[in-house]
Amino acid sequence: MSWVSLILYMRPPNTSLFVRNIADEPEDLRREFGRYGPIVDVYIPLDFYTRQPRGFAYIQYPFPMSSLCSLLF
């Protein structure tokens, strides 16, 4: 396998962060995790039937280093 084919099959660096046991407000998450860098999106999945938050969220940063820094501090 050549290095060209390896580059084609490499995944992009992960820029999202999985957070458990959260409050219902995305603004709270933006404020807390925004200290580590700019935030692209905060996604809080809802239960299909009750339409209530499921208790976890995904926070997406534009750069991989931002999500890594928020994990370390």
C-alpha atoms as a PDB file:
ATOM      1  CA  MET A   1       0.000   0.000   0.000  1.00  0.00           C
ATOM      2  CA  SER A   2       1.462   3.326  -1.002  1.00  0.00           C
ATOM      3  CA  TRP A   3       1.467   6.495   1.070  1.00  0.00           C
ATOM      4  CA  VAL A   4      -0.972   8.092  -1.383  1.00  0.00           C
ATOM      5  CA  SER A   5      -3.640   5.492  -0.632  1.00  0.00           C
ATOM      6  CA  LEU A   6      -2.990   5.913   3.097  1.00  0.00           C
ATOM      7  CA  ILE A   7      -3.628   9.642   2.838  1.00  0.00           C
ATOM      8  CA  LEU A   8      -6.886   9.036   0.979  1.00  0.00           C
ATOM      9  CA  TYR A   9      -8.209   6.745   3.732  1.00  0.00           C
ATOM     10  CA  MET A  10      -7.130   8.804   6.730  1.00  0.00           C
ATOM     11  CA  ARG A  11      -9.926  10.253   8.822  1.00  0.00           C
ATOM     12  CA  PRO A  12      -9.905  13.960   9.542  1.00  0.00           C
ATOM     13  CA  PRO A  13      -9.005  14.880  13.109  1.00  0.00           C
ATOM     14  CA  ASN A  14     -11.903  14.785  15.531  1.00  0.00           C
ATOM     15  CA  THR A  15     -13.157  18.223  16.491  1.00  0.00           C
ATOM     16  CA  SER A  16     -16.189  17.281  18.573  1.00  0.00           C
ATOM     17  CA  LEU A  17     -16.454  16.570  22.262  1.00  0.00           C
ATOM     18  CA  PHE A  18     -18.996  14.255  23.929  1.00  0.00           C
ATOM     19  CA  VAL A  19     -20.321  15.571  27.261  1.00  0.00           C
ATOM     20  CA  ARG A  20     -22.540  13.603  29.669  1.00  0.00           C
ATOM     21  CA  ASN A  21     -24.893  14.625  32.487  1.00  0.00           C
ATOM     22  CA  ILE A  22     -25.637  18.076  31.163  1.00  0.00           C
ATOM     23  CA  ALA A  23     -28.205  20.759  31.915  1.00  0.00           C
ATOM     24  CA  ASP A  24     -30.843  21.509  29.304  1.00  0.00           C
ATOM     25  CA  GLU A  25     -29.457  24.862  28.149  1.00  0.00           C
ATOM     26  CA  PRO A  26     -26.992  25.017  25.225  1.00  0.00           C
ATOM     27  CA  GLU A  27     -26.047  28.574  26.261  1.00  0.00           C
ATOM     28  CA  ASP A  28     -24.564  27.204  29.498  1.00  0.00           C
ATOM     29  CA  LEU A  29     -22.426  24.764  27.524  1.00  0.00           C
ATOM     30  CA  ARG A  30     -21.307  27.483  25.115  1.00  0.00           C
ATOM     31  CA  ARG A  31     -20.248  29.678  28.021  1.00  0.00           C
ATOM     32  CA  GLU A  32     -18.349  26.936  29.879  1.00  0.00           C
ATOM     33  CA  PHE A  33     -16.626  25.286  26.914  1.00  0.00           C
ATOM     34  CA  GLY A  34     -16.141  28.532  24.985  1.00  0.00           C
ATOM     35  CA  ARG A  35     -13.224  29.293  27.315  1.00  0.00           C
ATOM     36  CA  TYR A  36     -11.130  26.755  25.384  1.00  0.00           C
ATOM     37  CA  GLY A  37     -11.767  28.113  21.909  1.00  0.00           C
ATOM     38  CA  PRO A  38     -14.478  29.125  19.479  1.00  0.00           C
ATOM     39  CA  ILE A  39     -17.448  26.754  19.277  1.00  0.00           C
ATOM     40  CA  VAL A  40     -19.022  25.850  15.947  1.00  0.00           C
ATOM     41  CA  ASP A  41     -22.067  23.970  17.263  1.00  0.00           C
ATOM     42  CA  VAL A  42     -23.675  22.540  20.392  1.00  0.00           C
ATOM     43  CA  TYR A  43     -25.969  19.580  19.675  1.00  0.00           C
ATOM     44  CA  ILE A  44     -28.213  18.200  22.422  1.00  0.00           C
ATOM     45  CA  PRO A  45     -30.147  15.144  21.159  1.00  0.00           C
ATOM     46  CA  LEU A  46     -33.809  14.892  22.118  1.00  0.00           C
ATOM     47  CA  ASP A  47     -35.799  11.793  22.991  1.00  0.00           C
ATOM     48  CA  PHE A  48     -37.970  10.774  20.042  1.00  0.00           C
ATOM     49  CA  TYR A  49     -41.191  10.377  22.023  1.00  0.00           C
ATOM     50  CA  THR A  50     -40.960  12.906  24.871  1.00  0.00           C
ATOM     51  CA  ARG A  51     -38.944  15.591  23.012  1.00  0.00           C
ATOM     52  CA  GLN A  52     -36.918  16.087  26.208  1.00  0.00           C
ATOM     53  CA  PRO A  53     -33.083  16.296  26.213  1.00  0.00           C
ATOM     54  CA  ARG A  54     -31.437  12.893  26.572  1.00  0.00           C
ATOM     55  CA  GLY A  55     -28.801  14.128  29.044  1.00  0.00           C
ATOM     56  CA  PHE A  56     -25.748  14.407  26.803  1.00  0.00           C
ATOM     57  CA  ALA A  57     -24.398  16.759  24.155  1.00  0.00           C
ATOM     58  CA  TYR A  58     -21.824  17.088  21.399  1.00  0.00           C
ATOM     59  CA  ILE A  59     -19.740  20.254  21.283  1.00  0.00           C
ATOM     60  CA  GLN A  60     -17.985  20.919  17.982  1.00  0.00           C
ATOM     61  CA  TYR A  61     -14.884  23.076  17.731  1.00  0.00           C
ATOM     62  CA  PRO A  62     -13.369  24.329  14.456  1.00  0.00           C
ATOM     63  CA  PHE A  63      -9.884  23.070  15.381  1.00  0.00           C
ATOM     64  CA  PRO A  64      -8.830  19.727  16.913  1.00  0.00           C
ATOM     65  CA  MET A  65      -6.599  21.447  19.499  1.00  0.00           C
ATOM     66  CA  SER A  66      -9.567  23.236  21.113  1.00  0.00           C
ATOM     67  CA  SER A  67     -11.395  19.990  21.877  1.00  0.00           C
ATOM     68  CA  LEU A  68      -8.197  18.459  23.241  1.00  0.00           C
ATOM     69  CA  CYS A  69      -7.552  21.448  25.531  1.00  0.00           C
ATOM     70  CA  SER A  70     -11.067  21.290  26.957  1.00  0.00           C
ATOM     71  CA  LEU A  71     -10.487  17.648  27.872  1.00  0.00           C
ATOM     72  CA  LEU A  72      -7.240  18.373  29.671  1.00  0.00           C
ATOM     73  CA  PHE A  73      -8.415  21.300  31.816  1.00  0.00           C
END
